[in-house]
Each structure stands twice: as C-alpha cells, then as structure tokens.
Amino acid sequence: MSQFTDIITEKCPICGEGHVFTKKGNPLLFKMPKMNKECLVCHHKFEKEPGFFYGAMYVSYGLTILEMAPIFLISRIFVDSYNATIAIIGLSAFLLSTFNFRLSRMIWMYMFDGGKRQVQN
C-alpha cells in the first residue's frame, strides 16, 4: 500500500499492518478517539516522548482551514445570513473534529516515521 492509503486507513507507519486507533470516536456522543500505545504487530511505540503530538495541533489547524474555506464559500451561495454561515461552519468543525484529530495525528506520525518502512521477506 502507499503511504496515502496507510494514513487514510490508519495503519502503523513502520509495518503498515497494525491499526493505530482502537476507537474512532463520535463527536455527537462526546467520545474522543482512542489510540494504541504501540503497534500490535511490530510493537512500534507511536508516542515517542511526552508531548510528541503537540505538533499535530498545527496539522489539525491546517486541515480545519482547508475544510472550512470551501464550506464557507458553498454556504454563502445558499445562505444569505452571516450568522447562519457562522453556525454552519461551527457545526461542520464540531462534526469533523474527531476525523481531524485522527488524520492530523496520522500525518504527524508519518512525517517522522513514514520513511522507515521495514522490508518484509
């Protein structure tokens, strides 16, 4: 598999087989995603040090901007009120929060560990 599909399917950056997240989370039930401490296949530790994923917040911010800009433009076509547009953007950001959380952490991990794929015999 390519790194893009491994990121989307949330696979380990080292072996490409183990899953990073045990639970995907649900913003409507206020449940955050749950992450494995290490890969169940190759035992790669996902969080290298305390605070490793702080940088993923910047990735999440970028993803949110990339998502909210088109939502703003599309909502302005159908809605005349700025208050309704702000509400649509806020609701969209809330509904996409767990997706952005998982995707930003995956991108952050692959930035540091993605090129270390072990060769399988």
N, C-alpha and C. Protein backbone atom coordinates (compact mmCIF):
# COMPACT_ATOMS: atom_id res chain seq x y z
N MET A 1 0.83 -1.19 0.00
CA MET A 1 0.00 0.00 0.00
C MET A 1 0.87 1.25 0.00
N SER A 2 0.35 2.32 -0.49
CA SER A 2 1.08 3.58 -0.47
C SER A 2 0.90 4.24 0.90
N GLN A 3 1.72 5.23 1.16
CA GLN A 3 1.62 5.92 2.44
C GLN A 3 0.30 6.66 2.57
N PHE A 4 -0.22 7.18 1.46
CA PHE A 4 -1.51 7.88 1.50
C PHE A 4 -2.62 6.95 1.98
N THR A 5 -2.70 5.75 1.43
CA THR A 5 -3.75 4.82 1.85
C THR A 5 -3.51 4.32 3.27
N ASP A 6 -2.24 4.21 3.67
CA ASP A 6 -1.95 3.81 5.05
C ASP A 6 -2.38 4.89 6.03
N ILE A 7 -2.21 6.15 5.66
CA ILE A 7 -2.65 7.25 6.53
C ILE A 7 -4.17 7.25 6.64
N ILE A 8 -4.85 7.11 5.51
CA ILE A 8 -6.31 7.14 5.50
C ILE A 8 -6.90 5.96 6.26
N THR A 9 -6.29 4.78 6.12
CA THR A 9 -6.79 3.59 6.81
C THR A 9 -6.21 3.45 8.22
N GLU A 10 -5.38 4.42 8.62
CA GLU A 10 -4.82 4.49 9.97
C GLU A 10 -3.99 3.27 10.34
N LYS A 11 -3.04 2.95 9.46
CA LYS A 11 -2.13 1.83 9.69
C LYS A 11 -0.81 2.32 10.28
N CYS A 12 -0.10 1.43 10.89
CA CYS A 12 1.20 1.71 11.51
C CYS A 12 2.18 2.23 10.45
N PRO A 13 2.96 3.29 10.78
CA PRO A 13 3.90 3.81 9.80
C PRO A 13 5.11 2.91 9.55
N ILE A 14 5.35 1.96 10.42
CA ILE A 14 6.51 1.08 10.26
C ILE A 14 6.14 -0.18 9.49
N CYS A 15 5.15 -0.93 9.96
CA CYS A 15 4.82 -2.21 9.31
C CYS A 15 3.67 -2.08 8.31
N GLY A 16 2.84 -1.08 8.46
CA GLY A 16 1.71 -0.90 7.55
C GLY A 16 0.58 -1.88 7.77
N GLU A 17 0.62 -2.62 8.87
CA GLU A 17 -0.40 -3.64 9.13
C GLU A 17 -1.22 -3.33 10.38
N GLY A 18 -0.57 -2.95 11.45
CA GLY A 18 -1.27 -2.70 12.71
C GLY A 18 -2.09 -1.43 12.66
N HIS A 19 -3.17 -1.41 13.40
CA HIS A 19 -4.03 -0.23 13.48
C HIS A 19 -3.55 0.70 14.58
N VAL A 20 -3.59 2.00 14.31
CA VAL A 20 -3.15 2.98 15.29
C VAL A 20 -4.25 3.26 16.31
N PHE A 21 -5.49 3.35 15.86
CA PHE A 21 -6.60 3.71 16.74
C PHE A 21 -7.47 2.49 17.04
N THR A 22 -7.89 2.35 18.30
CA THR A 22 -8.80 1.28 18.68
C THR A 22 -10.25 1.72 18.52
N LYS A 23 -10.52 3.00 18.79
CA LYS A 23 -11.87 3.56 18.64
C LYS A 23 -11.77 4.86 17.86
N LYS A 24 -12.69 5.06 16.94
CA LYS A 24 -12.66 6.24 16.08
C LYS A 24 -13.24 7.48 16.74
N GLY A 25 -14.03 7.32 17.77
CA GLY A 25 -14.64 8.45 18.44
C GLY A 25 -15.93 8.88 17.75
N ASN A 26 -16.74 9.65 18.48
CA ASN A 26 -18.00 10.13 17.96
C ASN A 26 -18.29 11.48 18.59
N PRO A 27 -18.25 12.56 17.78
CA PRO A 27 -18.47 13.88 18.38
C PRO A 27 -19.88 14.06 18.91
N LEU A 28 -20.86 13.37 18.35
CA LEU A 28 -22.23 13.51 18.83
C LEU A 28 -22.43 12.90 20.21
N LEU A 29 -21.61 11.91 20.55
CA LEU A 29 -21.66 11.30 21.88
C LEU A 29 -20.53 11.81 22.78
N PHE A 30 -19.80 12.81 22.32
CA PHE A 30 -18.67 13.40 23.04
C PHE A 30 -17.63 12.35 23.41
N LYS A 31 -17.32 11.47 22.48
CA LYS A 31 -16.31 10.43 22.66
C LYS A 31 -15.12 10.74 21.77
N MET A 32 -13.94 10.83 22.37
CA MET A 32 -12.72 11.09 21.62
C MET A 32 -12.14 9.76 21.13
N PRO A 33 -11.37 9.80 20.05
CA PRO A 33 -10.72 8.57 19.56
C PRO A 33 -9.75 8.02 20.60
N LYS A 34 -9.61 6.71 20.61
CA LYS A 34 -8.66 6.03 21.50
C LYS A 34 -7.52 5.48 20.64
N MET A 35 -6.31 5.73 21.10
CA MET A 35 -5.13 5.35 20.35
C MET A 35 -4.36 4.26 21.08
N ASN A 36 -3.86 3.28 20.32
CA ASN A 36 -2.98 2.27 20.91
C ASN A 36 -1.67 2.92 21.32
N LYS A 37 -1.05 2.40 22.37
CA LYS A 37 0.25 2.93 22.78
C LYS A 37 1.34 2.45 21.83
N GLU A 38 1.18 1.25 21.30
CA GLU A 38 2.15 0.71 20.35
C GLU A 38 1.43 -0.17 19.34
N CYS A 39 2.11 -0.46 18.25
CA CYS A 39 1.55 -1.31 17.20
C CYS A 39 1.43 -2.74 17.72
N LEU A 40 0.30 -3.35 17.48
CA LEU A 40 0.10 -4.72 17.94
C LEU A 40 0.85 -5.73 17.09
N VAL A 41 1.32 -5.34 15.91
CA VAL A 41 2.04 -6.24 15.01
C VAL A 41 3.55 -6.13 15.20
N CYS A 42 4.10 -4.91 15.06
CA CYS A 42 5.56 -4.73 15.12
C CYS A 42 6.04 -4.10 16.43
N HIS A 43 5.13 -3.73 17.32
CA HIS A 43 5.42 -3.16 18.63
C HIS A 43 6.15 -1.81 18.55
N HIS A 44 5.91 -1.08 17.47
CA HIS A 44 6.45 0.28 17.35
C HIS A 44 5.68 1.20 18.28
N LYS A 45 6.40 1.96 19.09
CA LYS A 45 5.77 2.90 20.02
C LYS A 45 5.36 4.15 19.25
N PHE A 46 4.06 4.49 19.28
CA PHE A 46 3.55 5.61 18.50
C PHE A 46 3.94 6.96 19.08
N GLU A 47 3.84 7.12 20.39
CA GLU A 47 4.20 8.39 21.02
C GLU A 47 5.64 8.28 21.51
N LYS A 48 6.55 8.89 20.78
CA LYS A 48 7.98 8.75 21.06
C LYS A 48 8.38 9.35 22.40
N GLU A 49 7.75 10.47 22.77
CA GLU A 49 8.08 11.16 24.01
C GLU A 49 6.84 11.93 24.45
N PRO A 50 6.79 12.33 25.72
CA PRO A 50 5.65 13.13 26.16
C PRO A 50 5.56 14.43 25.34
N GLY A 51 4.38 14.74 24.87
CA GLY A 51 4.18 15.94 24.08
C GLY A 51 4.48 15.78 22.60
N PHE A 52 4.74 14.56 22.15
CA PHE A 52 5.06 14.31 20.74
C PHE A 52 3.97 14.82 19.81
N PHE A 53 2.72 14.68 20.21
CA PHE A 53 1.61 15.03 19.33
C PHE A 53 1.17 16.49 19.44
N TYR A 54 1.90 17.32 20.18
CA TYR A 54 1.56 18.75 20.21
C TYR A 54 1.66 19.36 18.82
N GLY A 55 2.62 18.92 18.05
CA GLY A 55 2.78 19.42 16.69
C GLY A 55 1.62 19.06 15.78
N ALA A 56 0.92 17.98 16.13
CA ALA A 56 -0.24 17.57 15.33
C ALA A 56 -1.36 18.60 15.42
N MET A 57 -1.32 19.46 16.43
CA MET A 57 -2.34 20.52 16.53
C MET A 57 -2.19 21.50 15.38
N TYR A 58 -0.97 21.76 14.95
CA TYR A 58 -0.76 22.66 13.80
C TYR A 58 -1.27 22.01 12.52
N VAL A 59 -1.07 20.72 12.40
CA VAL A 59 -1.59 19.99 11.24
C VAL A 59 -3.12 20.03 11.27
N SER A 60 -3.70 19.83 12.43
CA SER A 60 -5.15 19.88 12.57
C SER A 60 -5.70 21.26 12.21
N TYR A 61 -5.00 22.30 12.61
CA TYR A 61 -5.41 23.66 12.27
C TYR A 61 -5.43 23.85 10.75
N GLY A 62 -4.38 23.39 10.08
CA GLY A 62 -4.32 23.49 8.62
C GLY A 62 -5.44 22.70 7.95
N LEU A 63 -5.71 21.49 8.45
CA LEU A 63 -6.81 20.70 7.90
C LEU A 63 -8.14 21.40 8.07
N THR A 64 -8.34 22.00 9.23
CA THR A 64 -9.60 22.70 9.50
C THR A 64 -9.78 23.88 8.56
N ILE A 65 -8.72 24.63 8.31
CA ILE A 65 -8.79 25.75 7.37
C ILE A 65 -9.12 25.24 5.97
N LEU A 66 -8.47 24.15 5.56
CA LEU A 66 -8.74 23.58 4.24
C LEU A 66 -10.18 23.08 4.10
N GLU A 67 -10.77 22.66 5.19
CA GLU A 67 -12.17 22.19 5.15
C GLU A 67 -13.16 23.34 5.24
N MET A 68 -12.87 24.30 6.10
CA MET A 68 -13.84 25.36 6.35
C MET A 68 -13.92 26.39 5.23
N ALA A 69 -12.85 26.61 4.48
CA ALA A 69 -12.89 27.58 3.38
C ALA A 69 -13.93 27.18 2.32
N PRO A 70 -13.92 25.94 1.83
CA PRO A 70 -14.96 25.56 0.86
C PRO A 70 -16.36 25.54 1.47
N ILE A 71 -16.46 25.15 2.74
CA ILE A 71 -17.77 25.16 3.40
C ILE A 71 -18.31 26.58 3.47
N PHE A 72 -17.43 27.54 3.78
CA PHE A 72 -17.84 28.94 3.81
C PHE A 72 -18.33 29.39 2.42
N LEU A 73 -17.56 29.08 1.39
CA LEU A 73 -17.93 29.52 0.04
C LEU A 73 -19.24 28.88 -0.43
N ILE A 74 -19.41 27.61 -0.15
CA ILE A 74 -20.65 26.92 -0.55
C ILE A 74 -21.83 27.44 0.25
N SER A 75 -21.64 27.66 1.54
CA SER A 75 -22.76 28.14 2.35
C SER A 75 -23.17 29.57 1.97
N ARG A 76 -22.22 30.38 1.50
CA ARG A 76 -22.56 31.73 1.08
C ARG A 76 -23.42 31.72 -0.19
N ILE A 77 -23.31 30.68 -0.98
CA ILE A 77 -24.16 30.56 -2.18
C ILE A 77 -25.61 30.32 -1.78
N PHE A 78 -25.82 29.48 -0.77
CA PHE A 78 -27.17 29.05 -0.41
C PHE A 78 -27.79 29.85 0.75
N VAL A 79 -26.95 30.51 1.56
CA VAL A 79 -27.44 31.19 2.75
C VAL A 79 -27.02 32.66 2.67
N ASP A 80 -27.95 33.57 2.93
CA ASP A 80 -27.65 35.00 2.86
C ASP A 80 -27.17 35.58 4.19
N SER A 81 -27.47 34.93 5.27
CA SER A 81 -27.14 35.45 6.60
C SER A 81 -25.73 35.01 7.03
N TYR A 82 -24.94 35.98 7.50
CA TYR A 82 -23.61 35.63 8.02
C TYR A 82 -23.71 34.83 9.31
N ASN A 83 -24.73 35.08 10.10
CA ASN A 83 -24.91 34.32 11.34
C ASN A 83 -25.17 32.85 11.03
N ALA A 84 -25.98 32.58 10.02
CA ALA A 84 -26.23 31.19 9.62
C ALA A 84 -24.96 30.55 9.06
N THR A 85 -24.18 31.33 8.32
CA THR A 85 -22.92 30.81 7.77
C THR A 85 -21.96 30.45 8.89
N ILE A 86 -21.86 31.31 9.90
CA ILE A 86 -21.00 31.02 11.05
C ILE A 86 -21.49 29.77 11.78
N ALA A 87 -22.79 29.62 11.91
CA ALA A 87 -23.36 28.43 12.56
C ALA A 87 -23.03 27.18 11.76
N ILE A 88 -23.12 27.25 10.44
CA ILE A 88 -22.80 26.10 9.58
C ILE A 88 -21.33 25.73 9.71
N ILE A 89 -20.46 26.73 9.73
CA ILE A 89 -19.03 26.48 9.88
C ILE A 89 -18.73 25.88 11.26
N GLY A 90 -19.35 26.40 12.30
CA GLY A 90 -19.15 25.85 13.64
C GLY A 90 -19.62 24.42 13.77
N LEU A 91 -20.80 24.14 13.21
CA LEU A 91 -21.33 22.77 13.24
C LEU A 91 -20.43 21.83 12.45
N SER A 92 -19.96 22.28 11.29
CA SER A 92 -19.06 21.45 10.48
C SER A 92 -17.76 21.16 11.21
N ALA A 93 -17.20 22.17 11.84
CA ALA A 93 -15.96 21.98 12.60
C ALA A 93 -16.16 20.99 13.74
N PHE A 94 -17.30 21.08 14.41
CA PHE A 94 -17.61 20.14 15.50
C PHE A 94 -17.76 18.72 14.97
N LEU A 95 -18.49 18.54 13.88
CA LEU A 95 -18.72 17.20 13.35
C LEU A 95 -17.45 16.57 12.77
N LEU A 96 -16.54 17.39 12.27
CA LEU A 96 -15.30 16.88 11.69
C LEU A 96 -14.16 16.79 12.71
N SER A 97 -14.42 17.13 13.96
CA SER A 97 -13.35 17.21 14.96
C SER A 97 -12.63 15.88 15.19
N THR A 98 -13.36 14.79 15.33
CA THR A 98 -12.68 13.50 15.58
C THR A 98 -11.94 13.03 14.34
N PHE A 99 -12.50 13.30 13.16
CA PHE A 99 -11.81 12.96 11.92
C PHE A 99 -10.50 13.73 11.82
N ASN A 100 -10.53 15.03 12.11
CA ASN A 100 -9.32 15.85 12.06
C ASN A 100 -8.31 15.42 13.12
N PHE A 101 -8.78 15.04 14.28
CA PHE A 101 -7.89 14.56 15.35
C PHE A 101 -7.10 13.35 14.87
N ARG A 102 -7.81 12.36 14.32
CA ARG A 102 -7.15 11.14 13.85
C ARG A 102 -6.23 11.42 12.67
N LEU A 103 -6.72 12.18 11.69
CA LEU A 103 -5.93 12.42 10.49
C LEU A 103 -4.69 13.26 10.80
N SER A 104 -4.80 14.24 11.66
CA SER A 104 -3.63 15.06 11.98
C SER A 104 -2.57 14.25 12.71
N ARG A 105 -2.98 13.38 13.60
CA ARG A 105 -2.00 12.51 14.28
C ARG A 105 -1.34 11.53 13.30
N MET A 106 -2.11 11.02 12.37
CA MET A 106 -1.54 10.11 11.37
C MET A 106 -0.52 10.84 10.49
N ILE A 107 -0.87 12.02 10.04
CA ILE A 107 0.06 12.80 9.21
C ILE A 107 1.31 13.12 10.00
N TRP A 108 1.15 13.51 11.26
CA TRP A 108 2.30 13.84 12.10
C TRP A 108 3.22 12.63 12.29
N MET A 109 2.63 11.46 12.55
CA MET A 109 3.44 10.25 12.71
C MET A 109 4.18 9.91 11.42
N TYR A 110 3.51 10.01 10.29
CA TYR A 110 4.13 9.66 9.02
C TYR A 110 5.20 10.67 8.62
N MET A 111 5.11 11.90 9.12
CA MET A 111 6.18 12.87 8.85
C MET A 111 7.50 12.43 9.48
N PHE A 112 7.43 11.73 10.60
CA PHE A 112 8.64 11.32 11.30
C PHE A 112 8.99 9.85 11.10
N ASP A 113 7.99 8.98 10.94
CA ASP A 113 8.25 7.55 10.86
C ASP A 113 7.91 6.92 9.53
N GLY A 114 7.30 7.65 8.62
CA GLY A 114 6.79 7.07 7.38
C GLY A 114 7.85 6.51 6.46
N GLY A 115 9.06 7.03 6.48
CA GLY A 115 10.11 6.54 5.60
C GLY A 115 10.89 5.36 6.17
N LYS A 116 10.49 4.87 7.33
CA LYS A 116 11.23 3.80 8.00
C LYS A 116 10.58 2.43 7.81
N ARG A 117 9.85 2.27 6.75
CA ARG A 117 9.13 1.01 6.50
C ARG A 117 10.12 -0.15 6.42
N GLN A 118 9.86 -1.18 7.20
CA GLN A 118 10.72 -2.36 7.21
C GLN A 118 10.39 -3.21 6.00
N VAL A 119 11.42 -3.81 5.42
CA VAL A 119 11.22 -4.67 4.25
C VAL A 119 10.74 -6.04 4.73
N GLN A 120 9.61 -6.46 4.15
CA GLN A 120 9.05 -7.76 4.51
C GLN A 120 9.63 -8.85 3.61
N ASN A 121 10.07 -9.97 4.20
CA ASN A 121 10.63 -11.09 3.40
C ASN A 121 9.54 -12.03 2.98
